[in-house]
C-alpha atoms as a PDB file:
ATOM      1  CA  MET A   1      42.752  35.008 137.703  1.00  0.00           C
ATOM      2  CA  GLU A   2      44.040  31.934 139.544  1.00  0.00           C
ATOM      3  CA  GLU A   3      47.608  33.287 139.221  1.00  0.00           C
ATOM      4  CA  ILE A   4      46.561  36.548 140.886  1.00  0.00           C
ATOM      5  CA  THR A   5      44.624  35.005 143.773  1.00  0.00           C
ATOM      6  CA  GLU A   6      47.583  32.690 144.388  1.00  0.00           C
ATOM      7  CA  ALA A   7      50.082  35.585 144.285  1.00  0.00           C
ATOM      8  CA  PHE A   8      48.133  37.479 146.957  1.00  0.00           C
ATOM      9  CA  GLY A   9      47.292  34.388 149.028  1.00  0.00           C
ATOM     10  CA  LEU A  10      43.548  34.970 148.790  1.00  0.00           C
ATOM     11  CA  GLY A  11      42.434  31.352 148.516  1.00  0.00           C
ATOM     12  CA  GLU A  12      40.125  29.792 145.944  1.00  0.00           C
ATOM     13  CA  PRO A  13      37.310  31.944 144.456  1.00  0.00           C
ATOM     14  CA  VAL A  14      33.886  30.788 145.636  1.00  0.00           C
ATOM     15  CA  GLU A  15      32.094  32.431 142.707  1.00  0.00           C
ATOM     16  CA  GLU A  16      32.897  33.671 139.212  1.00  0.00           C
ATOM     17  CA  PRO A  17      34.986  36.889 139.305  1.00  0.00           C
ATOM     18  CA  GLN A  18      32.860  39.890 138.294  1.00  0.00           C
ATOM     19  CA  PRO A  19      34.396  42.481 135.933  1.00  0.00           C
ATOM     20  CA  LEU A  20      33.572  46.084 136.854  1.00  0.00           C
ATOM     21  CA  ALA A  21      32.144  48.027 133.925  1.00  0.00           C
ATOM     22  CA  GLU A  22      32.923  51.307 135.725  1.00  0.00           C
ATOM     23  CA  ALA A  23      36.691  50.735 135.399  1.00  0.00           C
ATOM     24  CA  TRP A  24      38.155  53.051 132.744  1.00  0.00           C
ATOM     25  CA  SER A  25      41.894  52.556 132.352  1.00  0.00           C
ATOM     26  CA  ASN A  26      42.506  49.026 133.631  1.00  0.00           C
ATOM     27  CA  GLU A  27      40.740  45.715 134.144  1.00  0.00           C
ATOM     28  CA  VAL A  28      39.138  45.485 137.605  1.00  0.00           C
ATOM     29  CA  TYR A  29      37.354  42.448 139.063  1.00  0.00           C
ATOM     30  CA  ARG A  30      35.417  41.783 142.229  1.00  0.00           C
ATOM     31  CA  VAL A  31      36.542  38.416 143.568  1.00  0.00           C
ATOM     32  CA  ARG A  32      35.048  36.583 146.531  1.00  0.00           C
ATOM     33  CA  THR A  33      37.056  33.818 148.162  1.00  0.00           C
ATOM     34  CA  GLY A  34      36.875  31.909 151.420  1.00  0.00           C
ATOM     35  CA  THR A  35      38.936  34.675 153.053  1.00  0.00           C
ATOM     36  CA  GLY A  36      36.818  37.639 151.957  1.00  0.00           C
ATOM     37  CA  CYS A  37      35.891  39.907 149.060  1.00  0.00           C
ATOM     38  CA  TYR A  38      38.552  41.747 147.062  1.00  0.00           C
ATOM     39  CA  ALA A  39      39.048  44.168 144.182  1.00  0.00           C
ATOM     40  CA  LEU A  40      41.718  42.918 141.777  1.00  0.00           C
ATOM     41  CA  LYS A  41      43.158  45.353 139.262  1.00  0.00           C
ATOM     42  CA  ILE A  42      45.270  44.309 136.268  1.00  0.00           C
ATOM     43  CA  LEU A  43      47.565  47.005 134.864  1.00  0.00           C
ATOM     44  CA  SER A  44      49.445  47.027 131.585  1.00  0.00           C
ATOM     45  CA  PRO A  45      53.202  47.751 131.659  1.00  0.00           C
ATOM     46  CA  ALA A  46      52.443  51.094 129.954  1.00  0.00           C
ATOM     47  CA  THR A  47      50.258  52.308 132.823  1.00  0.00           C
ATOM     48  CA  VAL A  48      52.353  51.006 135.689  1.00  0.00           C
ATOM     49  CA  ALA A  49      55.310  53.422 135.377  1.00  0.00           C
ATOM     50  CA  SER A  50      54.132  55.931 138.003  1.00  0.00           C
ATOM     51  CA  VAL A  51      52.261  53.506 140.248  1.00  0.00           C
ATOM     52  CA  GLY A  52      55.277  52.882 142.504  1.00  0.00           C
ATOM     53  CA  HIS A  53      55.290  56.532 143.582  1.00  0.00           C
ATOM     54  CA  ALA A  54      51.513  56.457 144.010  1.00  0.00           C
ATOM     55  CA  ILE A  55      51.726  53.366 146.229  1.00  0.00           C
ATOM     56  CA  GLY A  56      54.079  55.196 148.575  1.00  0.00           C
ATOM     57  CA  ILE A  57      51.587  58.035 148.938  1.00  0.00           C
ATOM     58  CA  GLU A  58      48.721  55.603 149.528  1.00  0.00           C
ATOM     59  CA  ALA A  59      50.776  53.838 152.210  1.00  0.00           C
ATOM     60  CA  ALA A  60      51.513  57.110 154.021  1.00  0.00           C
ATOM     61  CA  VAL A  61      47.816  58.043 154.112  1.00  0.00           C
ATOM     62  CA  LEU A  62      46.798  54.529 155.178  1.00  0.00           C
ATOM     63  CA  ALA A  63      49.270  54.697 158.066  1.00  0.00           C
ATOM     64  CA  THR A  64      47.434  57.681 159.570  1.00  0.00           C
ATOM     65  CA  GLY A  65      44.385  55.512 160.215  1.00  0.00           C
ATOM     66  CA  ALA A  66      42.338  58.683 159.779  1.00  0.00           C
ATOM     67  CA  VAL A  67      41.131  58.327 156.184  1.00  0.00           C
ATOM     68  CA  PRO A  68      38.500  55.713 155.232  1.00  0.00           C
ATOM     69  CA  MET A  69      39.932  53.871 152.235  1.00  0.00           C
ATOM     70  CA  ALA A  70      40.163  50.498 150.578  1.00  0.00           C
ATOM     71  CA  GLU A  71      42.862  48.469 152.344  1.00  0.00           C
ATOM     72  CA  PRO A  72      45.650  47.341 149.998  1.00  0.00           C
ATOM     73  CA  ILE A  73      46.687  43.695 150.252  1.00  0.00           C
ATOM     74  CA  ALA A  74      50.339  42.724 149.858  1.00  0.00           C
ATOM     75  CA  ASP A  75      51.377  39.714 147.802  1.00  0.00           C
ATOM     76  CA  ARG A  76      53.292  36.757 149.230  1.00  0.00           C
ATOM     77  CA  ASN A  77      56.534  38.725 148.868  1.00  0.00           C
ATOM     78  CA  GLY A  78      55.199  41.681 150.832  1.00  0.00           C
ATOM     79  CA  GLU A  79      54.720  43.818 147.709  1.00  0.00           C
ATOM     80  CA  TRP A  80      51.583  45.741 146.813  1.00  0.00           C
ATOM     81  CA  LEU A  81      52.249  45.372 143.090  1.00  0.00           C
ATOM     82  CA  THR A  82      52.909  41.915 141.668  1.00  0.00           C
ATOM     83  CA  ARG A  83      54.207  41.023 138.218  1.00  0.00           C
ATOM     84  CA  LEU A  84      52.264  38.401 136.273  1.00  0.00           C
ATOM     85  CA  SER A  85      53.672  35.795 133.911  1.00  0.00           C
ATOM     86  CA  ASP A  86      52.318  37.653 130.857  1.00  0.00           C
ATOM     87  CA  GLY A  87      54.244  40.841 131.744  1.00  0.00           C
ATOM     88  CA  ARG A  88      51.278  42.683 133.203  1.00  0.00           C
ATOM     89  CA  PHE A  89      50.959  43.722 136.846  1.00  0.00           C
ATOM     90  CA  ALA A  90      48.234  43.282 139.452  1.00  0.00           C
ATOM     91  CA  ARG A  91      47.105  45.042 142.621  1.00  0.00           C
ATOM     92  CA  CYS A  92      44.701  43.828 145.282  1.00  0.00           C
ATOM     93  CA  HIS A  93      42.521  45.722 147.755  1.00  0.00           C
ATOM     94  CA  ARG A  94      39.965  44.514 150.238  1.00  0.00           C
ATOM     95  CA  TRP A  95      36.525  45.228 148.802  1.00  0.00           C
ATOM     96  CA  LEU A  96      34.989  48.398 150.223  1.00  0.00           C
ATOM     97  CA  SER A  97      31.213  47.985 150.373  1.00  0.00           C
ATOM     98  CA  GLY A  98      28.937  50.978 149.857  1.00  0.00           C
ATOM     99  CA  THR A  99      27.064  53.155 147.425  1.00  0.00           C
ATOM    100  CA  PRO A 100      29.136  54.695 144.634  1.00  0.00           C
ATOM    101  CA  ALA A 101      29.502  58.386 145.505  1.00  0.00           C
ATOM    102  CA  SER A 102      28.848  59.274 141.860  1.00  0.00           C
ATOM    103  CA  GLY A 103      25.216  58.304 142.440  1.00  0.00           C
ATOM    104  CA  PHE A 104      24.895  59.819 145.919  1.00  0.00           C
ATOM    105  CA  THR A 105      23.013  63.043 146.591  1.00  0.00           C
ATOM    106  CA  PRO A 106      25.411  65.380 148.458  1.00  0.00           C
ATOM    107  CA  THR A 107      24.598  66.156 152.085  1.00  0.00           C
ATOM    108  CA  ALA A 108      26.418  68.304 154.635  1.00  0.00           C
ATOM    109  CA  SER A 109      27.738  65.302 156.591  1.00  0.00           C
ATOM    110  CA  TYR A 110      28.866  63.593 153.383  1.00  0.00           C
ATOM    111  CA  VAL A 111      30.892  66.563 152.105  1.00  0.00           C
ATOM    112  CA  ARG A 112      32.323  67.235 155.576  1.00  0.00           C
ATOM    113  CA  ASP A 113      33.634  63.675 155.642  1.00  0.00           C
ATOM    114  CA  VAL A 114      35.430  64.080 152.313  1.00  0.00           C
ATOM    115  CA  GLY A 115      36.718  67.526 153.273  1.00  0.00           C
ATOM    116  CA  ARG A 116      38.126  66.146 156.512  1.00  0.00           C
ATOM    117  CA  SER A 117      39.883  63.315 154.652  1.00  0.00           C
ATOM    118  CA  LEU A 118      41.445  65.721 152.170  1.00  0.00           C
ATOM    119  CA  GLY A 119      42.561  67.914 155.069  1.00  0.00           C
ATOM    120  CA  VAL A 120      44.310  64.931 156.666  1.00  0.00           C
ATOM    121  CA  ILE A 121      46.049  64.062 153.381  1.00  0.00           C
ATOM    122  CA  HIS A 122      47.235  67.620 152.785  1.00  0.00           C
ATOM    123  CA  GLY A 123      48.170  67.919 156.449  1.00  0.00           C
ATOM    124  CA  LEU A 124      50.880  65.288 155.889  1.00  0.00           C
ATOM    125  CA  ALA A 125      52.579  67.940 153.731  1.00  0.00           C
ATOM    126  CA  ARG A 126      54.781  65.438 151.922  1.00  0.00           C
ATOM    127  CA  PRO A 127      56.976  67.556 149.579  1.00  0.00           C
ATOM    128  CA  ASP A 128      56.655  66.520 145.938  1.00  0.00           C
ATOM    129  CA  GLY A 129      58.620  69.036 143.898  1.00  0.00           C
ATOM    130  CA  ASP A 130      57.245  72.323 142.610  1.00  0.00           C
ATOM    131  CA  THR A 131      55.130  73.617 139.751  1.00  0.00           C
ATOM    132  CA  GLY A 132      58.171  73.880 137.512  1.00  0.00           C
ATOM    133  CA  ARG A 133      57.737  70.138 136.888  1.00  0.00           C
ATOM    134  CA  LEU A 134      54.304  70.589 135.282  1.00  0.00           C
ATOM    135  CA  SER A 135      54.219  69.774 131.580  1.00  0.00           C
ATOM    136  CA  PRO A 136      53.648  72.815 129.335  1.00  0.00           C
ATOM    137  CA  VAL A 137      50.785  72.937 126.853  1.00  0.00           C
ATOM    138  CA  ASP A 138      51.822  72.719 123.207  1.00  0.00           C
ATOM    139  CA  LEU A 139      49.409  75.007 121.344  1.00  0.00           C
ATOM    140  CA  ARG A 140      50.629  73.571 118.039  1.00  0.00           C
ATOM    141  CA  ARG A 141      48.855  70.317 118.901  1.00  0.00           C
ATOM    142  CA  TRP A 142      45.612  72.234 119.491  1.00  0.00           C
ATOM    143  CA  ARG A 143      45.899  73.992 116.160  1.00  0.00           C
ATOM    144  CA  ARG A 144      46.651  70.734 114.356  1.00  0.00           C
ATOM    145  CA  ALA A 145      43.513  69.241 115.920  1.00  0.00           C
ATOM    146  CA  LEU A 146      41.490  72.168 114.584  1.00  0.00           C
ATOM    147  CA  GLU A 147      42.925  71.647 111.112  1.00  0.00           C
ATOM    148  CA  ARG A 148      42.235  67.905 111.120  1.00  0.00           C
ATOM    149  CA  SER A 149      38.648  68.464 112.214  1.00  0.00           C
ATOM    150  CA  ALA A 150      37.911  71.035 109.487  1.00  0.00           C
ATOM    151  CA  GLY A 151      34.613  70.159 107.859  1.00  0.00           C
ATOM    152  CA  GLN A 152      33.203  68.496 110.943  1.00  0.00           C
ATOM    153  CA  LYS A 153      29.984  70.052 112.214  1.00  0.00           C
ATOM    154  CA  TRP A 154      31.498  70.534 115.687  1.00  0.00           C
ATOM    155  CA  ASN A 155      34.642  72.273 114.400  1.00  0.00           C
ATOM    156  CA  ALA A 156      33.187  75.765 114.919  1.00  0.00           C
ATOM    157  CA  ARG A 157      32.427  74.967 118.575  1.00  0.00           C
ATOM    158  CA  LEU A 158      35.968  73.697 118.988  1.00  0.00           C
ATOM    159  CA  ARG A 159      37.454  76.833 117.435  1.00  0.00           C
ATOM    160  CA  ALA A 160      35.382  78.970 119.796  1.00  0.00           C
ATOM    161  CA  LEU A 161      37.364  77.462 122.680  1.00  0.00           C
ATOM    162  CA  THR A 162      40.711  78.564 121.268  1.00  0.00           C
ATOM    163  CA  ARG A 163      40.984  81.752 123.334  1.00  0.00           C
ATOM    164  CA  LEU A 164      40.163  79.805 126.497  1.00  0.00           C
ATOM    165  CA  VAL A 165      42.906  77.274 125.670  1.00  0.00           C
ATOM    166  CA  GLU A 166      45.364  80.112 125.027  1.00  0.00           C
ATOM    167  CA  GLN A 167      44.513  81.741 128.373  1.00  0.00           C
ATOM    168  CA  ALA A 168      44.929  78.437 130.210  1.00  0.00           C
ATOM    169  CA  THR A 169      48.286  77.957 128.503  1.00  0.00           C
ATOM    170  CA  GLU A 170      49.420  81.409 129.632  1.00  0.00           C
ATOM    171  CA  GLU A 171      48.317  80.753 133.227  1.00  0.00           C
ATOM    172  CA  LEU A 172      50.079  77.393 133.265  1.00  0.00           C
ATOM    173  CA  SER A 173      53.265  79.035 131.999  1.00  0.00           C
ATOM    174  CA  LYS A 174      53.091  81.562 134.861  1.00  0.00           C
ATOM    175  CA  LEU A 175      52.490  78.756 137.344  1.00  0.00           C
ATOM    176  CA  ARG A 176      55.523  76.863 136.052  1.00  0.00           C
ATOM    177  CA  ASP A 177      57.706  79.949 136.323  1.00  0.00           C
ATOM    178  CA  ALA A 178      56.508  80.697 139.869  1.00  0.00           C
ATOM    179  CA  ARG A 179      57.705  77.264 141.065  1.00  0.00           C
ATOM    180  CA  HIS A 180      55.112  76.997 143.831  1.00  0.00           C
ATOM    181  CA  PRO A 181      55.734  74.012 146.136  1.00  0.00           C
ATOM    182  CA  MET A 182      53.651  70.910 145.508  1.00  0.00           C
ATOM    183  CA  ILE A 183      52.728  68.100 147.883  1.00  0.00           C
ATOM    184  CA  SER A 184      51.735  64.452 147.470  1.00  0.00           C
ATOM    185  CA  SER A 185      48.021  63.721 147.356  1.00  0.00           C
ATOM    186  CA  HIS A 186      45.324  61.576 145.759  1.00  0.00           C
ATOM    187  CA  ARG A 187      45.223  63.741 142.604  1.00  0.00           C
ATOM    188  CA  ASP A 188      42.044  62.113 141.258  1.00  0.00           C
ATOM    189  CA  LEU A 189      39.647  62.813 144.097  1.00  0.00           C
ATOM    190  CA  ASP A 190      36.102  62.986 142.771  1.00  0.00           C
ATOM    191  CA  PRO A 191      32.891  60.983 143.265  1.00  0.00           C
ATOM    192  CA  LYS A 192      33.845  58.236 140.800  1.00  0.00           C
ATOM    193  CA  ASN A 193      36.671  57.260 143.173  1.00  0.00           C
ATOM    194  CA  ALA A 194      34.671  57.098 146.409  1.00  0.00           C
ATOM    195  CA  VAL A 195      31.943  55.016 148.046  1.00  0.00           C
ATOM    196  CA  VAL A 196      29.557  55.842 150.891  1.00  0.00           C
ATOM    197  CA  ASP A 197      29.177  53.046 153.459  1.00  0.00           C
ATOM    198  CA  ALA A 198      26.129  52.190 155.558  1.00  0.00           C
ATOM    199  CA  ASP A 199      27.264  54.594 158.300  1.00  0.00           C
ATOM    200  CA  GLY A 200      27.615  57.481 155.851  1.00  0.00           C
ATOM    201  CA  ARG A 201      31.421  57.435 155.873  1.00  0.00           C
ATOM    202  CA  VAL A 202      33.067  58.136 152.532  1.00  0.00           C
ATOM    203  CA  GLY A 203      35.825  55.725 151.569  1.00  0.00           C
ATOM    204  CA  LEU A 204      38.430  56.780 149.015  1.00  0.00           C
ATOM    205  CA  LEU A 205      39.415  54.447 146.181  1.00  0.00           C
ATOM    206  CA  ASP A 206      41.903  54.167 143.313  1.00  0.00           C
ATOM    207  CA  TRP A 207      45.166  55.781 144.396  1.00  0.00           C
ATOM    208  CA  ASP A 208      47.046  54.751 141.246  1.00  0.00           C
ATOM    209  CA  TYR A 209      47.183  58.349 139.994  1.00  0.00           C
ATOM    210  CA  ALA A 210      48.406  59.789 143.314  1.00  0.00           C
ATOM    211  CA  GLY A 211      51.184  62.327 142.954  1.00  0.00           C
ATOM    212  CA  ALA A 212      52.122  65.989 143.149  1.00  0.00           C
ATOM    213  CA  VAL A 213      49.396  68.639 143.471  1.00  0.00           C
ATOM    214  CA  VAL A 214      49.033  72.321 144.249  1.00  0.00           C
ATOM    215  CA  PRO A 215      46.904  71.910 147.404  1.00  0.00           C
ATOM    216  CA  ALA A 216      44.573  74.861 146.741  1.00  0.00           C
ATOM    217  CA  GLY A 217      43.858  73.553 143.258  1.00  0.00           C
ATOM    218  CA  GLU A 218      42.944  70.083 144.477  1.00  0.00           C
ATOM    219  CA  LEU A 219      40.801  71.587 147.245  1.00  0.00           C
ATOM    220  CA  VAL A 220      38.763  73.561 144.703  1.00  0.00           C
ATOM    221  CA  GLU A 221      38.376  70.594 142.349  1.00  0.00           C
ATOM    222  CA  ALA A 222      37.368  68.158 145.089  1.00  0.00           C
ATOM    223  CA  ALA A 223      34.983  70.556 146.824  1.00  0.00           C
ATOM    224  CA  THR A 224      33.136  71.479 143.649  1.00  0.00           C
ATOM    225  CA  SER A 225      32.927  67.905 142.323  1.00  0.00           C
ATOM    226  CA  PHE A 226      31.637  66.384 145.580  1.00  0.00           C
ATOM    227  CA  CYS A 227      29.277  69.274 146.362  1.00  0.00           C
ATOM    228  CA  GLY A 228      27.481  69.367 143.024  1.00  0.00           C
ATOM    229  CA  GLY A 229      27.966  73.115 142.709  1.00  0.00           C
ATOM    230  CA  HIS A 230      26.060  73.976 145.916  1.00  0.00           C
ATOM    231  CA  SER A 231      27.915  76.886 147.527  1.00  0.00           C
ATOM    232  CA  ALA A 232      26.659  76.119 151.046  1.00  0.00           C
ATOM    233  CA  LEU A 233      28.032  72.581 150.779  1.00  0.00           C
ATOM    234  CA  VAL A 234      31.332  73.846 149.398  1.00  0.00           C
ATOM    235  CA  ALA A 235      31.615  76.005 152.537  1.00  0.00           C
ATOM    236  CA  GLU A 236      30.989  72.923 154.716  1.00  0.00           C
ATOM    237  CA  PHE A 237      33.653  71.007 152.778  1.00  0.00           C
ATOM    238  CA  VAL A 238      36.244  73.771 153.300  1.00  0.00           C
ATOM    239  CA  ARG A 239      35.428  74.146 156.998  1.00  0.00           C
ATOM    240  CA  ALA A 240      35.970  70.423 157.552  1.00  0.00           C
ATOM    241  CA  TYR A 241      39.191  70.583 155.535  1.00  0.00           C
ATOM    242  CA  ARG A 242      40.541  73.399 157.707  1.00  0.00           C
ATOM    243  CA  ALA A 243      39.465  71.691 160.930  1.00  0.00           C
ATOM    244  CA  ALA A 244      41.510  68.634 159.903  1.00  0.00           C
ATOM    245  CA  GLY A 245      44.604  70.807 159.793  1.00  0.00           C
END
């Protein structure tokens, strides 16, 4: 941890770094030093391949000044991603205080705030290829999974999903062939990656998965996940999205 705080020029920790149990894919720590409170993320070389592209998207959104988000901190070399002596990589963001959105009861003002932020992000309209780049689904892998799980009590429930998987595969194939334009966006925008501050503003976190999306698809996913399935709130989300451009 000392190597990371030194790399980002944060100063000496004033308390023991706290690991975040909510982190799924990488190690994340809350670190408080004499200069402030920070979130430090340690990434393995295997997970860092696409982060460079994601950082560029995060930087473009940050530059608008219109989307509440955790501020990334550059290392001493001016880079937002620093390589550690053990071959891993680290990122640093200023700690964004608030209530995790995953435990927040949706309100109209809350969903409007997220909808507005997504509208700003999509309004940048940064081209990011087309749907022809999407990876196809290999149905052989699904069928092998069914075979390997034969005898398990949940196998019948899994098999019952086969037609749904086949339909999704067909739709994805059509989408790939249509080559609809895609744009850069957060791509993992749901309540687990947001916090609500004391003023009710919703700050967006964890941009490491940012990349190409079909805007309408991300709009539907974000609206339904933040609105808890309430149609009236979904409508508020979409109105705010449109108002943001």
